[in-house]
């Protein structure tokens, strides 16, 4: 098994990259997030997972250990194969995955190609069980989700507090706005989205 591969991106196909490692080309399946970050001729170190079957030998690559750990844990769930696990990691970062677990957000998982409602519910149930048994998984998902919870020092949270919101209202509205627009959205847009969600509540 390979723990990692370090080489140069020789080619980018639709769903994999060809990594040149000392003159040997490896076809490595990567999440969409990793695929977008990598450029042709870029040198990169990919943390790998090898999936071996009678008729195939597939290598999956990740930039972060959190992504690889989430991927391998998903494979332990009944009905989740490498393709579905890769799709989940492509659509949800470890922090977003942890937040979806905490909020029992089935819809967050059904947006992933190949994941229906029943499988989404199974992922939620089994991952929640694993959280209580696996301290490493708890660190990956629980802590990353907690890190993204709005609070003091958060620009959007502080803006909402200054507008008269209670701490509970501000946290809930700021979290909802980031879920809606994404964590990279400008603070002013997030504040407006948060206020709109409060007005509709």
N, C-alpha and C. Protein backbone atom coordinates (compact mmCIF):
# COMPACT_ATOMS: atom_id res chain seq x y z
N UNK A 1 0.84 -1.20 0.00
CA UNK A 1 0.00 0.00 0.00
C UNK A 1 0.88 1.26 0.00
N UNK A 2 0.39 2.31 -0.62
CA UNK A 2 1.12 3.58 -0.63
C UNK A 2 0.53 4.48 0.46
N UNK A 3 1.38 5.06 1.29
CA UNK A 3 0.91 6.04 2.27
C UNK A 3 0.72 7.40 1.59
N UNK A 4 1.62 7.69 0.64
CA UNK A 4 1.50 8.93 -0.13
C UNK A 4 2.30 8.79 -1.42
N UNK A 5 2.01 9.69 -2.34
CA UNK A 5 2.77 9.79 -3.58
C UNK A 5 3.19 11.24 -3.76
N UNK A 6 4.46 11.44 -4.06
CA UNK A 6 4.95 12.79 -4.34
C UNK A 6 5.46 12.82 -5.78
N UNK A 7 4.89 13.74 -6.56
CA UNK A 7 5.31 13.80 -7.95
C UNK A 7 4.77 15.04 -8.64
N UNK A 8 4.77 15.01 -9.95
CA UNK A 8 4.34 16.15 -10.77
C UNK A 8 3.07 15.79 -11.53
N UNK A 9 2.13 16.72 -11.53
CA UNK A 9 0.88 16.51 -12.27
C UNK A 9 1.19 16.56 -13.76
N UNK A 10 1.11 15.40 -14.40
CA UNK A 10 1.42 15.30 -15.82
C UNK A 10 0.20 15.64 -16.68
N UNK A 11 -0.97 15.25 -16.17
CA UNK A 11 -2.20 15.42 -16.96
C UNK A 11 -3.40 15.48 -16.02
N UNK A 12 -4.40 16.29 -16.38
CA UNK A 12 -5.65 16.37 -15.62
C UNK A 12 -6.80 15.90 -16.51
N UNK A 13 -7.38 14.75 -16.17
CA UNK A 13 -8.57 14.27 -16.87
C UNK A 13 -9.79 14.75 -16.11
N UNK A 14 -10.97 14.33 -16.54
CA UNK A 14 -12.20 14.81 -15.91
C UNK A 14 -12.29 14.39 -14.45
N UNK A 15 -11.99 13.13 -14.15
CA UNK A 15 -12.17 12.64 -12.79
C UNK A 15 -10.91 12.08 -12.14
N UNK A 16 -9.76 12.32 -12.76
CA UNK A 16 -8.51 11.87 -12.13
C UNK A 16 -7.35 12.70 -12.64
N UNK A 17 -6.22 12.56 -11.98
CA UNK A 17 -5.00 13.20 -12.47
C UNK A 17 -3.96 12.10 -12.74
N UNK A 18 -3.07 12.37 -13.67
CA UNK A 18 -1.94 11.47 -13.92
C UNK A 18 -0.74 12.08 -13.21
N UNK A 19 -0.22 11.36 -12.22
CA UNK A 19 0.88 11.87 -11.41
C UNK A 19 2.17 11.16 -11.81
N UNK A 20 3.15 11.95 -12.24
CA UNK A 20 4.46 11.41 -12.64
C UNK A 20 5.33 11.31 -11.39
N UNK A 21 5.61 10.07 -10.97
CA UNK A 21 6.46 9.84 -9.80
C UNK A 21 7.72 9.11 -10.27
N UNK A 22 8.79 9.86 -10.46
CA UNK A 22 10.04 9.27 -10.91
C UNK A 22 9.95 8.57 -12.24
N UNK A 23 9.13 9.11 -13.15
CA UNK A 23 9.01 8.53 -14.47
C UNK A 23 7.90 7.49 -14.61
N UNK A 24 7.23 7.19 -13.50
CA UNK A 24 6.09 6.26 -13.53
C UNK A 24 4.81 7.07 -13.37
N UNK A 25 3.86 6.87 -14.27
CA UNK A 25 2.61 7.63 -14.21
C UNK A 25 1.53 6.88 -13.45
N UNK A 26 1.02 7.49 -12.40
CA UNK A 26 -0.06 6.91 -11.60
C UNK A 26 -1.36 7.65 -11.88
N UNK A 27 -2.42 6.91 -12.18
CA UNK A 27 -3.74 7.52 -12.31
C UNK A 27 -4.34 7.60 -10.92
N UNK A 28 -4.56 8.81 -10.43
CA UNK A 28 -5.05 9.01 -9.06
C UNK A 28 -6.40 9.71 -9.10
N UNK A 29 -7.40 9.07 -8.52
CA UNK A 29 -8.74 9.67 -8.40
C UNK A 29 -8.73 10.63 -7.23
N UNK A 30 -9.18 11.85 -7.44
CA UNK A 30 -9.13 12.87 -6.39
C UNK A 30 -10.50 13.55 -6.26
N UNK A 31 -10.80 14.12 -5.08
CA UNK A 31 -12.04 14.90 -4.94
C UNK A 31 -12.02 16.12 -5.85
N UNK A 32 -13.19 16.61 -6.19
CA UNK A 32 -13.28 17.79 -7.06
C UNK A 32 -12.51 18.97 -6.49
N UNK A 33 -12.56 19.12 -5.16
CA UNK A 33 -11.86 20.25 -4.52
C UNK A 33 -10.36 20.17 -4.75
N UNK A 34 -9.81 18.97 -4.71
CA UNK A 34 -8.38 18.78 -4.96
C UNK A 34 -8.08 18.97 -6.45
N UNK A 35 -8.94 18.44 -7.31
CA UNK A 35 -8.76 18.55 -8.77
C UNK A 35 -8.66 20.02 -9.19
N UNK A 36 -9.53 20.86 -8.59
CA UNK A 36 -9.53 22.28 -8.95
C UNK A 36 -8.26 23.00 -8.49
N UNK A 37 -7.68 22.55 -7.39
CA UNK A 37 -6.50 23.23 -6.83
C UNK A 37 -5.21 22.89 -7.59
N UNK A 38 -5.19 21.72 -8.20
CA UNK A 38 -3.96 21.28 -8.84
C UNK A 38 -3.84 21.79 -10.27
N UNK A 39 -2.63 22.12 -10.65
CA UNK A 39 -2.36 22.59 -12.01
C UNK A 39 -1.38 21.65 -12.69
N UNK A 40 -1.45 21.59 -14.00
CA UNK A 40 -0.53 20.74 -14.77
C UNK A 40 0.90 21.19 -14.52
N UNK A 41 1.79 20.22 -14.36
CA UNK A 41 3.23 20.42 -14.09
C UNK A 41 3.50 20.88 -12.64
N UNK A 42 2.47 20.92 -11.82
CA UNK A 42 2.67 21.29 -10.41
C UNK A 42 3.18 20.09 -9.62
N UNK A 43 4.15 20.32 -8.74
CA UNK A 43 4.63 19.25 -7.87
C UNK A 43 3.71 19.18 -6.65
N UNK A 44 3.33 17.98 -6.26
CA UNK A 44 2.38 17.83 -5.17
C UNK A 44 2.61 16.53 -4.43
N UNK A 45 2.24 16.55 -3.16
CA UNK A 45 2.25 15.33 -2.34
C UNK A 45 0.80 14.96 -2.05
N UNK A 46 0.39 13.76 -2.46
CA UNK A 46 -0.98 13.32 -2.24
C UNK A 46 -1.00 12.17 -1.23
N UNK A 47 -1.81 12.32 -0.21
CA UNK A 47 -2.03 11.24 0.75
C UNK A 47 -2.97 10.24 0.07
N UNK A 48 -2.63 8.97 0.10
CA UNK A 48 -3.33 8.03 -0.76
C UNK A 48 -4.07 6.93 0.00
N UNK A 49 -5.06 6.39 -0.69
CA UNK A 49 -5.78 5.20 -0.25
C UNK A 49 -5.89 4.29 -1.46
N UNK A 50 -5.53 3.03 -1.31
CA UNK A 50 -5.59 2.08 -2.41
C UNK A 50 -6.79 1.15 -2.26
N UNK A 51 -7.59 1.09 -3.29
CA UNK A 51 -8.77 0.22 -3.30
C UNK A 51 -8.50 -0.92 -4.27
N UNK A 52 -8.40 -2.14 -3.74
CA UNK A 52 -8.02 -3.29 -4.55
C UNK A 52 -9.20 -4.25 -4.68
N UNK A 53 -9.54 -4.58 -5.92
CA UNK A 53 -10.55 -5.58 -6.21
C UNK A 53 -9.94 -6.61 -7.17
N UNK A 54 -10.70 -7.65 -7.45
CA UNK A 54 -10.19 -8.67 -8.36
C UNK A 54 -9.90 -8.10 -9.74
N UNK A 55 -10.73 -7.13 -10.15
CA UNK A 55 -10.61 -6.60 -11.50
C UNK A 55 -10.08 -5.17 -11.56
N UNK A 56 -9.63 -4.64 -10.43
CA UNK A 56 -9.17 -3.24 -10.46
C UNK A 56 -8.24 -2.93 -9.30
N UNK A 57 -7.37 -1.97 -9.55
CA UNK A 57 -6.50 -1.41 -8.51
C UNK A 57 -6.58 0.10 -8.65
N UNK A 58 -7.29 0.75 -7.74
CA UNK A 58 -7.53 2.18 -7.85
C UNK A 58 -6.83 2.93 -6.71
N UNK A 59 -6.27 4.08 -7.05
CA UNK A 59 -5.60 4.92 -6.06
C UNK A 59 -6.40 6.21 -5.90
N UNK A 60 -6.71 6.55 -4.66
CA UNK A 60 -7.42 7.80 -4.36
C UNK A 60 -6.46 8.72 -3.62
N UNK A 61 -6.47 10.01 -3.98
CA UNK A 61 -5.51 10.94 -3.40
C UNK A 61 -6.16 12.16 -2.76
N UNK A 62 -5.55 12.63 -1.68
CA UNK A 62 -6.08 13.75 -0.91
C UNK A 62 -4.93 14.67 -0.48
N UNK A 63 -5.26 15.94 -0.30
CA UNK A 63 -4.25 16.90 0.15
C UNK A 63 -4.15 16.95 1.67
N UNK A 64 -5.25 16.64 2.36
CA UNK A 64 -5.28 16.73 3.82
C UNK A 64 -5.64 15.40 4.45
N UNK A 65 -5.05 15.14 5.62
CA UNK A 65 -5.33 13.90 6.33
C UNK A 65 -6.80 13.82 6.74
N UNK A 66 -7.41 14.98 7.06
CA UNK A 66 -8.82 14.99 7.45
C UNK A 66 -9.70 14.46 6.32
N UNK A 67 -9.37 14.81 5.08
CA UNK A 67 -10.15 14.35 3.93
C UNK A 67 -10.00 12.84 3.75
N UNK A 68 -8.77 12.36 3.86
CA UNK A 68 -8.54 10.92 3.69
C UNK A 68 -9.22 10.13 4.81
N UNK A 69 -9.15 10.61 6.04
CA UNK A 69 -9.77 9.91 7.17
C UNK A 69 -11.28 9.85 7.03
N UNK A 70 -11.87 10.97 6.57
CA UNK A 70 -13.32 10.99 6.35
C UNK A 70 -13.68 10.00 5.25
N UNK A 71 -12.91 9.97 4.19
CA UNK A 71 -13.14 9.05 3.07
C UNK A 71 -13.10 7.59 3.55
N UNK A 72 -12.06 7.22 4.27
CA UNK A 72 -11.91 5.82 4.70
C UNK A 72 -13.00 5.44 5.71
N UNK A 73 -13.42 6.38 6.54
CA UNK A 73 -14.48 6.08 7.50
C UNK A 73 -15.81 5.87 6.78
N UNK A 74 -16.07 6.66 5.75
CA UNK A 74 -17.29 6.50 4.97
C UNK A 74 -17.36 5.12 4.33
N UNK A 75 -16.21 4.58 3.96
CA UNK A 75 -16.19 3.26 3.32
C UNK A 75 -16.66 2.15 4.26
N UNK A 76 -16.65 2.42 5.55
CA UNK A 76 -17.09 1.42 6.53
C UNK A 76 -18.61 1.36 6.64
N UNK A 77 -19.30 2.30 6.00
CA UNK A 77 -20.75 2.35 6.07
C UNK A 77 -21.36 1.50 4.97
N UNK A 78 -22.33 0.68 5.33
CA UNK A 78 -22.99 -0.20 4.37
C UNK A 78 -23.61 0.61 3.23
N UNK A 79 -23.31 0.23 2.01
CA UNK A 79 -23.87 0.91 0.85
C UNK A 79 -23.02 2.03 0.31
N UNK A 80 -21.90 2.33 0.98
CA UNK A 80 -21.01 3.40 0.54
C UNK A 80 -19.73 2.79 -0.04
N UNK A 81 -19.56 2.96 -1.34
CA UNK A 81 -18.33 2.50 -1.98
C UNK A 81 -17.39 3.67 -2.22
N UNK A 82 -16.23 3.42 -2.81
CA UNK A 82 -15.25 4.49 -3.02
C UNK A 82 -15.78 5.67 -3.84
N UNK A 83 -16.57 5.39 -4.88
CA UNK A 83 -17.08 6.48 -5.72
C UNK A 83 -18.01 7.40 -4.93
N UNK A 84 -18.90 6.81 -4.14
CA UNK A 84 -19.82 7.63 -3.33
C UNK A 84 -19.05 8.38 -2.25
N UNK A 85 -18.11 7.70 -1.60
CA UNK A 85 -17.31 8.35 -0.56
C UNK A 85 -16.54 9.53 -1.14
N UNK A 86 -16.00 9.36 -2.35
CA UNK A 86 -15.26 10.44 -2.99
C UNK A 86 -16.19 11.61 -3.32
N UNK A 87 -17.41 11.28 -3.75
CA UNK A 87 -18.39 12.33 -4.07
C UNK A 87 -18.74 13.12 -2.81
N UNK A 88 -18.90 12.43 -1.68
CA UNK A 88 -19.23 13.11 -0.43
C UNK A 88 -18.10 14.07 -0.03
N UNK A 89 -16.86 13.59 -0.12
CA UNK A 89 -15.71 14.43 0.24
C UNK A 89 -15.58 15.59 -0.74
N UNK A 90 -16.01 15.39 -1.99
CA UNK A 90 -15.96 16.46 -2.99
C UNK A 90 -16.96 17.56 -2.68
N UNK A 91 -18.14 17.18 -2.17
CA UNK A 91 -19.21 18.14 -1.93
C UNK A 91 -19.16 18.75 -0.53
N UNK A 92 -18.63 18.01 0.45
CA UNK A 92 -18.65 18.49 1.83
C UNK A 92 -17.25 18.43 2.43
N UNK A 93 -16.77 19.56 2.92
CA UNK A 93 -15.50 19.56 3.64
C UNK A 93 -15.72 18.85 4.98
N UNK A 94 -14.66 18.42 5.68
CA UNK A 94 -14.85 17.81 6.99
C UNK A 94 -15.66 18.69 7.94
N UNK A 95 -15.43 20.02 7.89
CA UNK A 95 -16.19 20.92 8.76
C UNK A 95 -17.67 20.93 8.40
N UNK A 96 -17.97 20.98 7.10
CA UNK A 96 -19.36 20.98 6.65
C UNK A 96 -20.02 19.64 6.95
N UNK A 97 -19.26 18.56 6.81
CA UNK A 97 -19.78 17.24 7.12
C UNK A 97 -20.14 17.16 8.61
N UNK A 98 -19.23 17.64 9.46
CA UNK A 98 -19.49 17.63 10.90
C UNK A 98 -20.70 18.46 11.27
N UNK A 99 -20.85 19.61 10.61
CA UNK A 99 -22.00 20.48 10.88
C UNK A 99 -23.30 19.79 10.45
N UNK A 100 -23.28 19.10 9.31
CA UNK A 100 -24.47 18.39 8.84
C UNK A 100 -24.86 17.28 9.81
N UNK A 101 -23.85 16.62 10.39
CA UNK A 101 -24.14 15.59 11.38
C UNK A 101 -24.81 16.19 12.61
N UNK A 102 -24.24 17.29 13.11
CA UNK A 102 -24.77 17.92 14.31
C UNK A 102 -26.20 18.41 14.10
N UNK A 103 -26.50 18.84 12.89
CA UNK A 103 -27.83 19.40 12.60
C UNK A 103 -28.78 18.37 11.99
N UNK A 104 -28.34 17.09 11.90
CA UNK A 104 -29.16 16.04 11.27
C UNK A 104 -29.68 16.48 9.91
N UNK A 105 -28.80 17.09 9.13
CA UNK A 105 -29.17 17.68 7.85
C UNK A 105 -29.11 16.64 6.73
N UNK A 106 -30.21 15.91 6.55
CA UNK A 106 -30.28 14.88 5.52
C UNK A 106 -30.09 15.49 4.13
N UNK A 107 -30.66 16.68 3.92
CA UNK A 107 -30.60 17.33 2.60
C UNK A 107 -29.17 17.61 2.17
N UNK A 108 -28.30 17.91 3.13
CA UNK A 108 -26.90 18.19 2.80
C UNK A 108 -26.26 16.99 2.11
N UNK A 109 -26.69 15.78 2.50
CA UNK A 109 -26.12 14.57 1.92
C UNK A 109 -26.84 14.15 0.63
N UNK A 110 -28.13 14.42 0.54
CA UNK A 110 -28.86 14.03 -0.68
C UNK A 110 -28.47 14.89 -1.88
N UNK A 111 -27.78 15.99 -1.65
CA UNK A 111 -27.27 16.81 -2.76
C UNK A 111 -26.07 16.17 -3.44
N UNK A 112 -25.48 15.18 -2.75
CA UNK A 112 -24.31 14.50 -3.30
C UNK A 112 -24.77 13.47 -4.34
N UNK A 113 -24.20 13.48 -5.54
CA UNK A 113 -24.57 12.49 -6.56
C UNK A 113 -24.40 11.07 -6.04
N UNK A 114 -25.44 10.26 -6.23
CA UNK A 114 -25.36 8.87 -5.79
C UNK A 114 -25.87 8.61 -4.39
N UNK A 115 -26.27 9.68 -3.69
CA UNK A 115 -26.76 9.53 -2.32
C UNK A 115 -28.25 9.88 -2.27
N UNK A 116 -29.08 8.87 -2.06
CA UNK A 116 -30.52 9.09 -1.89
C UNK A 116 -30.85 9.32 -0.43
N UNK A 117 -32.13 9.48 -0.15
CA UNK A 117 -32.56 9.79 1.21
C UNK A 117 -32.22 8.66 2.19
N UNK A 118 -32.46 7.41 1.78
CA UNK A 118 -32.19 6.28 2.69
C UNK A 118 -30.71 6.18 3.02
N UNK A 119 -29.86 6.33 2.00
CA UNK A 119 -28.42 6.25 2.23
C UNK A 119 -27.96 7.43 3.08
N UNK A 120 -28.52 8.61 2.83
CA UNK A 120 -28.17 9.79 3.63
C UNK A 120 -28.51 9.56 5.10
N UNK A 121 -29.67 8.99 5.36
CA UNK A 121 -30.07 8.70 6.75
C UNK A 121 -29.14 7.67 7.38
N UNK A 122 -28.71 6.67 6.58
CA UNK A 122 -27.80 5.65 7.10
C UNK A 122 -26.44 6.27 7.44
N UNK A 123 -25.98 7.17 6.56
CA UNK A 123 -24.70 7.85 6.82
C UNK A 123 -24.79 8.63 8.13
N UNK A 124 -25.88 9.39 8.30
CA UNK A 124 -26.06 10.16 9.53
C UNK A 124 -26.05 9.26 10.75
N UNK A 125 -26.82 8.19 10.71
CA UNK A 125 -26.96 7.30 11.86
C UNK A 125 -25.64 6.62 12.21
N UNK A 126 -24.99 6.03 11.21
CA UNK A 126 -23.77 5.28 11.48
C UNK A 126 -22.60 6.19 11.84
N UNK A 127 -22.52 7.37 11.22
CA UNK A 127 -21.43 8.28 11.56
C UNK A 127 -21.60 8.85 12.96
N UNK A 128 -22.83 9.09 13.36
CA UNK A 128 -23.07 9.57 14.72
C UNK A 128 -22.63 8.50 15.74
N UNK A 129 -22.91 7.24 15.41
CA UNK A 129 -22.48 6.14 16.28
C UNK A 129 -20.96 6.08 16.37
N UNK A 130 -20.30 6.26 15.22
CA UNK A 130 -18.85 6.21 15.18
C UNK A 130 -18.23 7.38 15.94
N UNK A 131 -18.91 8.52 15.94
CA UNK A 131 -18.38 9.69 16.66
C UNK A 131 -18.17 9.38 18.13
N UNK A 132 -19.06 8.58 18.69
CA UNK A 132 -18.94 8.26 20.11
C UNK A 132 -17.91 7.19 20.39
N UNK A 133 -17.42 6.51 19.35
CA UNK A 133 -16.50 5.40 19.54
C UNK A 133 -15.08 5.69 19.05
N UNK A 134 -14.95 6.66 18.17
CA UNK A 134 -13.66 6.92 17.51
C UNK A 134 -13.20 8.34 17.86
N UNK A 135 -12.20 8.44 18.73
CA UNK A 135 -11.73 9.76 19.17
C UNK A 135 -11.09 10.54 18.02
N UNK A 136 -10.44 9.83 17.09
CA UNK A 136 -9.82 10.51 15.94
C UNK A 136 -10.89 11.13 15.05
N UNK A 137 -11.96 10.37 14.82
CA UNK A 137 -13.06 10.89 14.00
C UNK A 137 -13.73 12.06 14.70
N UNK A 138 -13.89 11.96 16.01
CA UNK A 138 -14.49 13.07 16.77
C UNK A 138 -13.66 14.33 16.62
N UNK A 139 -12.33 14.16 16.63
CA UNK A 139 -11.44 15.31 16.48
C UNK A 139 -11.59 15.93 15.09
N UNK A 140 -11.70 15.08 14.07
CA UNK A 140 -11.80 15.57 12.69
C UNK A 140 -13.12 16.30 12.46
N UNK A 141 -14.23 15.69 12.88
CA UNK A 141 -15.55 16.24 12.59
C UNK A 141 -16.06 17.16 13.68
N UNK A 142 -15.97 16.73 14.92
CA UNK A 142 -16.51 17.53 16.01
C UNK A 142 -15.80 18.85 16.18
N UNK A 143 -14.48 18.82 16.17
CA UNK A 143 -13.71 20.04 16.40
C UNK A 143 -13.80 20.98 15.21
N UNK A 144 -13.79 20.45 13.99
CA UNK A 144 -13.86 21.34 12.83
C UNK A 144 -15.21 22.01 12.77
N UNK A 145 -16.26 21.29 13.15
CA UNK A 145 -17.60 21.88 13.16
C UNK A 145 -17.68 22.96 14.23
N UNK A 146 -17.07 22.67 15.39
CA UNK A 146 -17.12 23.64 16.47
C UNK A 146 -16.34 24.90 16.12
N UNK A 147 -15.21 24.71 15.39
CA UNK A 147 -14.39 25.85 15.02
C UNK A 147 -15.15 26.84 14.14
N UNK A 148 -16.11 26.33 13.36
CA UNK A 148 -16.81 27.21 12.43
C UNK A 148 -18.07 27.82 13.04
N UNK A 149 -18.39 27.46 14.30
CA UNK A 149 -19.57 28.04 14.91
C UNK A 149 -19.31 29.50 15.23
N UNK A 150 -20.19 30.40 14.81
CA UNK A 150 -19.98 31.83 15.06
C UNK A 150 -19.95 32.15 16.54
N UNK A 151 -19.15 33.14 16.90
CA UNK A 151 -19.07 33.57 18.29
C UNK A 151 -18.28 34.87 18.36
N UNK A 152 -17.84 35.22 19.56
CA UNK A 152 -17.09 36.47 19.73
C UNK A 152 -15.85 36.46 18.84
N UNK A 153 -15.62 37.59 18.17
CA UNK A 153 -14.50 37.69 17.25
C UNK A 153 -14.89 37.41 15.82
N UNK A 154 -16.08 36.85 15.63
CA UNK A 154 -16.60 36.59 14.28
C UNK A 154 -17.26 37.87 13.77
N UNK A 155 -16.84 38.34 12.59
CA UNK A 155 -17.33 39.61 12.06
C UNK A 155 -18.84 39.65 11.91
N UNK A 156 -19.41 38.59 11.37
CA UNK A 156 -20.86 38.55 11.13
C UNK A 156 -21.61 38.52 12.45
N UNK A 157 -21.15 37.69 13.36
CA UNK A 157 -21.76 37.60 14.69
C UNK A 157 -21.73 38.96 15.39
N UNK A 158 -20.56 39.60 15.37
CA UNK A 158 -20.40 40.89 16.06
C UNK A 158 -21.31 41.95 15.43
N UNK A 159 -21.44 41.92 14.09
CA UNK A 159 -22.30 42.90 13.41
C UNK A 159 -23.75 42.71 13.82
N UNK A 160 -24.19 41.47 13.93
CA UNK A 160 -25.57 41.18 14.31
C UNK A 160 -25.83 41.59 15.76
N UNK A 161 -24.85 41.37 16.62
CA UNK A 161 -24.97 41.79 18.03
C UNK A 161 -25.12 43.31 18.11
N UNK A 162 -24.32 44.03 17.30
CA UNK A 162 -24.37 45.50 17.32
C UNK A 162 -25.71 46.03 16.81
N UNK A 163 -26.42 45.17 16.03
CA UNK A 163 -27.73 45.57 15.51
C UNK A 163 -28.87 45.18 16.46
N UNK A 164 -28.49 44.65 17.61
CA UNK A 164 -29.51 44.37 18.62
C UNK A 164 -29.93 42.92 18.76
N UNK A 165 -29.29 42.00 18.04
CA UNK A 165 -29.63 40.59 18.14
C UNK A 165 -29.08 40.00 19.44
N UNK A 166 -29.76 39.02 19.97
CA UNK A 166 -29.24 38.31 21.14
C UNK A 166 -28.12 37.38 20.67
N UNK A 167 -27.23 36.94 21.57
CA UNK A 167 -26.16 36.02 21.16
C UNK A 167 -26.68 34.76 20.48
N UNK A 168 -27.78 34.20 21.00
CA UNK A 168 -28.34 32.99 20.40
C UNK A 168 -28.85 33.27 18.99
N UNK A 169 -29.57 34.38 18.82
CA UNK A 169 -30.08 34.74 17.50
C UNK A 169 -28.94 34.99 16.52
N UNK A 170 -27.90 35.68 16.99
CA UNK A 170 -26.78 36.02 16.13
C UNK A 170 -26.03 34.77 15.67
N UNK A 171 -25.80 33.83 16.59
CA UNK A 171 -25.10 32.60 16.23
C UNK A 171 -25.88 31.80 15.20
N UNK A 172 -27.20 31.66 15.46
CA UNK A 172 -28.04 30.87 14.57
C UNK A 172 -28.12 31.51 13.17
N UNK A 173 -28.33 32.83 13.14
CA UNK A 173 -28.48 33.52 11.86
C UNK A 173 -27.17 33.54 11.08
N UNK A 174 -26.04 33.75 11.76
CA UNK A 174 -24.74 33.77 11.09
C UNK A 174 -24.41 32.39 10.51
N UNK A 175 -24.69 31.35 11.27
CA UNK A 175 -24.44 29.98 10.79
C UNK A 175 -25.31 29.67 9.57
N UNK A 176 -26.58 30.12 9.62
CA UNK A 176 -27.50 29.88 8.50
C UNK A 176 -27.01 30.61 7.25
N UNK A 177 -26.54 31.85 7.42
CA UNK A 177 -26.06 32.63 6.28
C UNK A 177 -24.84 31.98 5.63
N UNK A 178 -23.92 31.47 6.44
CA UNK A 178 -22.73 30.81 5.89
C UNK A 178 -23.09 29.51 5.18
N UNK A 179 -24.09 28.81 5.72
CA UNK A 179 -24.53 27.58 5.08
C UNK A 179 -25.15 27.89 3.72
N UNK A 180 -25.84 29.03 3.65
CA UNK A 180 -26.54 29.43 2.43
C UNK A 180 -25.58 29.95 1.36
N UNK A 181 -24.67 30.84 1.79
CA UNK A 181 -23.78 31.53 0.83
C UNK A 181 -22.38 30.96 0.77
N UNK A 182 -21.99 30.17 1.79
CA UNK A 182 -20.62 29.66 1.85
C UNK A 182 -19.76 30.49 2.77
N UNK A 183 -18.77 29.86 3.37
CA UNK A 183 -17.95 30.53 4.37
C UNK A 183 -17.06 31.62 3.78
N UNK A 184 -16.83 31.59 2.46
CA UNK A 184 -15.95 32.57 1.83
C UNK A 184 -16.69 33.83 1.36
N UNK A 185 -18.01 33.87 1.55
CA UNK A 185 -18.79 35.03 1.11
C UNK A 185 -18.38 36.27 1.90
N UNK A 186 -18.45 37.48 1.29
CA UNK A 186 -18.10 38.72 1.99
C UNK A 186 -18.98 38.92 3.24
N UNK A 187 -18.40 39.44 4.33
CA UNK A 187 -19.15 39.62 5.58
C UNK A 187 -20.44 40.42 5.41
N UNK A 188 -20.40 41.48 4.57
CA UNK A 188 -21.60 42.30 4.41
C UNK A 188 -22.75 41.52 3.78
N UNK A 189 -22.42 40.62 2.83
CA UNK A 189 -23.45 39.79 2.22
C UNK A 189 -23.99 38.77 3.23
N UNK A 190 -23.11 38.26 4.06
CA UNK A 190 -23.52 37.30 5.09
C UNK A 190 -24.44 37.96 6.11
N UNK A 191 -24.13 39.19 6.48
CA UNK A 191 -24.97 39.92 7.44
C UNK A 191 -26.36 40.14 6.85
N UNK A 192 -26.42 40.55 5.58
CA UNK A 192 -27.73 40.77 4.94
C UNK A 192 -28.53 39.46 4.87
N UNK A 193 -27.85 38.37 4.52
CA UNK A 193 -28.53 37.07 4.45
C UNK A 193 -29.02 36.64 5.83
N UNK A 194 -28.21 36.92 6.85
CA UNK A 194 -28.60 36.56 8.22
C UNK A 194 -29.83 37.34 8.66
N UNK A 195 -29.86 38.63 8.33
CA UNK A 195 -31.01 39.47 8.69
C UNK A 195 -32.28 39.04 7.97
N UNK A 196 -32.10 38.62 6.69
CA UNK A 196 -33.27 38.16 5.93
C UNK A 196 -33.84 36.87 6.52
N UNK A 197 -32.94 35.98 6.97
CA UNK A 197 -33.41 34.73 7.55
C UNK A 197 -34.13 34.97 8.87
N UNK A 198 -33.70 35.99 9.61
CA UNK A 198 -34.36 36.31 10.88
C UNK A 198 -35.74 36.94 10.62
N UNK A 199 -35.82 37.73 9.55
CA UNK A 199 -37.09 38.39 9.22
C UNK A 199 -38.13 37.36 8.81
N UNK A 200 -37.66 36.25 8.18
CA UNK A 200 -38.62 35.23 7.73
C UNK A 200 -39.02 34.29 8.85
N UNK A 201 -38.18 34.24 9.91
CA UNK A 201 -38.43 33.27 11.00
C UNK A 201 -39.70 33.64 11.77
